[in-house]
Amino acid sequence: MAISPSRQRPAYAALAEHHTKIEDRHVRELFAADPNRAPRRPGCILIAPNDLLVQLAAQCDLEERRVMMLAGKPTTFPARSSLN
């Protein structure tokens, strides 16, 4: 399975654009503007919109790679099984 860098994906470009829009804002501002922005769990702050992250995961075939990794199949270069 050939792997192209995630930075070449359209969803990555959208995430980069989103970053430029919010990079100078404090997390408190983001939550004040949208209290439902992310789950309120210790250590879990999601700044990027979920839909962009889901798109990037889909464009990178993350689910297929996860299944391959759990099956012990090679997923990256060099062709070797994942070390779980």
N, C-alpha and C. Protein backbone atom coordinates (compact mmCIF):
# COMPACT_ATOMS: atom_id res chain seq x y z
N MET A 1 0.85 -1.17 0.00
CA MET A 1 0.00 0.00 0.00
C MET A 1 0.90 1.23 0.00
N ALA A 2 0.78 2.04 -1.02
CA ALA A 2 1.57 3.27 -1.10
C ALA A 2 0.98 4.32 -0.16
N ILE A 3 1.85 5.04 0.48
CA ILE A 3 1.41 6.06 1.43
C ILE A 3 1.89 7.42 0.94
N SER A 4 0.95 8.32 0.71
CA SER A 4 1.35 9.69 0.38
C SER A 4 1.20 10.52 1.65
N PRO A 5 2.04 11.51 1.80
CA PRO A 5 2.01 12.31 3.02
C PRO A 5 0.64 12.95 3.26
N SER A 6 0.24 12.98 4.53
CA SER A 6 -1.07 13.56 4.87
C SER A 6 -1.14 15.03 4.48
N ARG A 7 0.00 15.68 4.38
CA ARG A 7 0.02 17.10 4.01
C ARG A 7 -0.42 17.33 2.57
N GLN A 8 -0.49 16.28 1.79
CA GLN A 8 -0.93 16.40 0.40
C GLN A 8 -2.44 16.22 0.27
N ARG A 9 -3.13 16.01 1.36
CA ARG A 9 -4.57 15.76 1.34
C ARG A 9 -5.36 17.07 1.43
N PRO A 10 -6.52 17.15 0.76
CA PRO A 10 -7.36 18.35 0.84
C PRO A 10 -7.78 18.69 2.28
N ALA A 11 -8.07 17.68 3.09
CA ALA A 11 -8.49 17.94 4.47
C ALA A 11 -7.36 18.56 5.28
N TYR A 12 -6.12 18.21 4.97
CA TYR A 12 -4.99 18.82 5.66
C TYR A 12 -4.92 20.31 5.34
N ALA A 13 -5.15 20.65 4.08
CA ALA A 13 -5.16 22.05 3.68
C ALA A 13 -6.27 22.81 4.42
N ALA A 14 -7.42 22.18 4.58
CA ALA A 14 -8.52 22.81 5.31
C ALA A 14 -8.16 23.00 6.79
N LEU A 15 -7.48 22.02 7.37
CA LEU A 15 -7.03 22.15 8.76
C LEU A 15 -5.99 23.26 8.89
N ALA A 16 -5.09 23.36 7.94
CA ALA A 16 -4.09 24.42 7.97
C ALA A 16 -4.75 25.80 7.86
N GLU A 17 -5.76 25.90 7.02
CA GLU A 17 -6.51 27.16 6.88
C GLU A 17 -7.22 27.49 8.18
N HIS A 18 -7.83 26.48 8.80
CA HIS A 18 -8.51 26.68 10.09
C HIS A 18 -7.50 27.16 11.14
N HIS A 19 -6.31 26.59 11.12
CA HIS A 19 -5.28 26.99 12.07
C HIS A 19 -4.92 28.46 11.92
N THR A 20 -4.78 28.92 10.69
CA THR A 20 -4.42 30.33 10.49
C THR A 20 -5.51 31.26 11.01
N LYS A 21 -6.76 30.80 11.00
CA LYS A 21 -7.87 31.61 11.50
C LYS A 21 -7.88 31.71 13.03
N ILE A 22 -7.43 30.65 13.72
CA ILE A 22 -7.55 30.64 15.18
C ILE A 22 -6.22 30.70 15.92
N GLU A 23 -5.11 30.73 15.22
CA GLU A 23 -3.82 30.59 15.89
C GLU A 23 -3.53 31.68 16.93
N ASP A 24 -4.09 32.85 16.78
CA ASP A 24 -3.83 33.92 17.73
C ASP A 24 -4.88 34.01 18.84
N ARG A 25 -5.84 33.12 18.84
CA ARG A 25 -6.90 33.15 19.85
C ARG A 25 -6.55 32.19 20.99
N HIS A 26 -6.97 32.56 22.17
CA HIS A 26 -6.77 31.71 23.34
C HIS A 26 -7.90 30.68 23.40
N VAL A 27 -7.59 29.53 23.96
CA VAL A 27 -8.59 28.46 24.07
C VAL A 27 -9.82 28.95 24.81
N ARG A 28 -9.65 29.79 25.82
CA ARG A 28 -10.80 30.33 26.56
C ARG A 28 -11.75 31.07 25.65
N GLU A 29 -11.21 31.83 24.70
CA GLU A 29 -12.06 32.55 23.74
C GLU A 29 -12.86 31.58 22.88
N LEU A 30 -12.22 30.53 22.45
CA LEU A 30 -12.88 29.55 21.59
C LEU A 30 -14.04 28.87 22.33
N PHE A 31 -13.83 28.52 23.60
CA PHE A 31 -14.89 27.88 24.38
C PHE A 31 -15.98 28.88 24.74
N ALA A 32 -15.62 30.14 24.98
CA ALA A 32 -16.63 31.16 25.29
C ALA A 32 -17.54 31.38 24.09
N ALA A 33 -16.97 31.35 22.89
CA ALA A 33 -17.75 31.54 21.67
C ALA A 33 -18.62 30.33 21.36
N ASP A 34 -18.18 29.14 21.75
CA ASP A 34 -18.91 27.90 21.46
C ASP A 34 -18.71 26.92 22.61
N PRO A 35 -19.57 26.98 23.64
CA PRO A 35 -19.40 26.10 24.82
C PRO A 35 -19.45 24.61 24.49
N ASN A 36 -20.06 24.24 23.39
CA ASN A 36 -20.15 22.82 23.01
C ASN A 36 -19.03 22.41 22.06
N ARG A 37 -17.97 23.19 22.04
CA ARG A 37 -16.86 22.99 21.09
C ARG A 37 -16.20 21.62 21.22
N ALA A 38 -16.03 21.14 22.44
CA ALA A 38 -15.32 19.88 22.66
C ALA A 38 -15.82 19.24 23.94
N PRO A 39 -15.60 17.94 24.06
CA PRO A 39 -15.98 17.27 25.31
C PRO A 39 -15.20 17.84 26.48
N ARG A 40 -15.85 17.94 27.63
CA ARG A 40 -15.19 18.47 28.83
C ARG A 40 -14.62 17.31 29.63
N ARG A 41 -13.51 16.80 29.16
CA ARG A 41 -12.81 15.73 29.87
C ARG A 41 -11.41 16.19 30.18
N PRO A 42 -10.88 15.81 31.32
CA PRO A 42 -9.51 16.22 31.65
C PRO A 42 -8.53 15.77 30.57
N GLY A 43 -7.69 16.69 30.13
CA GLY A 43 -6.67 16.36 29.13
C GLY A 43 -7.19 16.26 27.72
N CYS A 44 -8.45 16.58 27.48
CA CYS A 44 -9.02 16.45 26.14
C CYS A 44 -9.54 17.80 25.67
N ILE A 45 -8.78 18.45 24.84
CA ILE A 45 -9.23 19.71 24.25
C ILE A 45 -9.07 19.58 22.74
N LEU A 46 -10.18 19.64 22.05
CA LEU A 46 -10.16 19.51 20.60
C LEU A 46 -10.35 20.88 19.99
N ILE A 47 -9.33 21.39 19.36
CA ILE A 47 -9.38 22.72 18.78
C ILE A 47 -9.90 22.68 17.35
N ALA A 48 -9.50 21.67 16.60
CA ALA A 48 -9.94 21.56 15.21
C ALA A 48 -11.35 20.97 15.15
N PRO A 49 -12.13 21.40 14.20
CA PRO A 49 -13.47 20.83 14.03
C PRO A 49 -13.39 19.33 13.72
N ASN A 50 -14.25 18.56 14.36
CA ASN A 50 -14.26 17.11 14.16
C ASN A 50 -14.40 16.73 12.70
N ASP A 51 -15.25 17.45 11.95
CA ASP A 51 -15.48 17.05 10.56
C ASP A 51 -14.18 17.10 9.73
N LEU A 52 -13.31 18.08 10.01
CA LEU A 52 -12.05 18.15 9.28
C LEU A 52 -11.12 16.99 9.65
N LEU A 53 -11.11 16.63 10.93
CA LEU A 53 -10.28 15.50 11.36
C LEU A 53 -10.80 14.19 10.79
N VAL A 54 -12.11 14.03 10.75
CA VAL A 54 -12.71 12.81 10.18
C VAL A 54 -12.41 12.72 8.69
N GLN A 55 -12.48 13.86 8.00
CA GLN A 55 -12.15 13.87 6.56
C GLN A 55 -10.70 13.48 6.33
N LEU A 56 -9.79 14.02 7.15
CA LEU A 56 -8.38 13.68 6.98
C LEU A 56 -8.15 12.19 7.24
N ALA A 57 -8.78 11.66 8.28
CA ALA A 57 -8.64 10.23 8.59
C ALA A 57 -9.14 9.39 7.42
N ALA A 58 -10.26 9.78 6.83
CA ALA A 58 -10.81 9.02 5.70
C ALA A 58 -9.89 9.12 4.48
N GLN A 59 -9.36 10.32 4.22
CA GLN A 59 -8.48 10.52 3.07
C GLN A 59 -7.16 9.76 3.24
N CYS A 60 -6.77 9.49 4.47
CA CYS A 60 -5.54 8.75 4.74
C CYS A 60 -5.79 7.25 4.94
N ASP A 61 -7.01 6.80 4.71
CA ASP A 61 -7.39 5.38 4.86
C ASP A 61 -7.06 4.88 6.27
N LEU A 62 -7.32 5.70 7.27
CA LEU A 62 -6.97 5.35 8.64
C LEU A 62 -7.65 4.06 9.10
N GLU A 63 -8.92 3.90 8.79
CA GLU A 63 -9.63 2.69 9.24
C GLU A 63 -9.01 1.44 8.63
N GLU A 64 -8.69 1.49 7.34
CA GLU A 64 -8.07 0.33 6.68
C GLU A 64 -6.70 0.03 7.31
N ARG A 65 -5.95 1.06 7.58
CA ARG A 65 -4.63 0.87 8.20
C ARG A 65 -4.73 0.32 9.62
N ARG A 66 -5.76 0.77 10.34
CA ARG A 66 -5.97 0.25 11.70
C ARG A 66 -6.26 -1.24 11.66
N VAL A 67 -7.12 -1.63 10.74
CA VAL A 67 -7.47 -3.05 10.61
C VAL A 67 -6.23 -3.86 10.24
N MET A 68 -5.43 -3.33 9.31
CA MET A 68 -4.21 -4.03 8.91
C MET A 68 -3.24 -4.15 10.08
N MET A 69 -3.08 -3.06 10.84
CA MET A 69 -2.16 -3.08 11.98
C MET A 69 -2.59 -4.13 13.00
N LEU A 70 -3.90 -4.16 13.31
CA LEU A 70 -4.38 -5.11 14.30
C LEU A 70 -4.28 -6.56 13.81
N ALA A 71 -4.25 -6.73 12.48
CA ALA A 71 -4.09 -8.07 11.91
C ALA A 71 -2.61 -8.44 11.79
N GLY A 72 -1.71 -7.50 12.14
CA GLY A 72 -0.28 -7.78 12.07
C GLY A 72 0.30 -7.67 10.68
N LYS A 73 -0.43 -7.01 9.77
CA LYS A 73 0.04 -6.86 8.39
C LYS A 73 0.88 -5.60 8.25
N PRO A 74 1.78 -5.57 7.27
CA PRO A 74 2.58 -4.35 7.04
C PRO A 74 1.68 -3.18 6.67
N THR A 75 1.95 -2.02 7.23
CA THR A 75 1.15 -0.84 6.93
C THR A 75 1.97 0.33 6.41
N THR A 76 3.28 0.30 6.59
CA THR A 76 4.10 1.42 6.16
C THR A 76 5.40 0.92 5.55
N PHE A 77 6.17 1.82 4.99
CA PHE A 77 7.48 1.49 4.47
C PHE A 77 8.46 1.53 5.62
N PRO A 78 9.38 0.64 5.75
CA PRO A 78 9.53 -0.57 4.95
C PRO A 78 8.46 -1.60 5.29
N ALA A 79 8.22 -2.51 4.39
CA ALA A 79 7.16 -3.51 4.58
C ALA A 79 7.50 -4.40 5.79
N ARG A 80 6.89 -4.07 6.88
CA ARG A 80 7.09 -4.88 8.09
C ARG A 80 5.80 -4.81 8.90
N SER A 81 5.59 -5.80 9.72
CA SER A 81 4.40 -5.82 10.55
C SER A 81 4.51 -4.77 11.64
N SER A 82 3.36 -4.31 12.10
CA SER A 82 3.34 -3.35 13.20
C SER A 82 3.77 -4.03 14.48
N LEU A 83 4.46 -3.27 15.30
CA LEU A 83 4.86 -3.77 16.61
C LEU A 83 3.82 -3.33 17.61
N ASN A 84 2.96 -4.24 18.02
CA ASN A 84 1.88 -3.88 18.95
C ASN A 84 2.31 -4.13 20.36
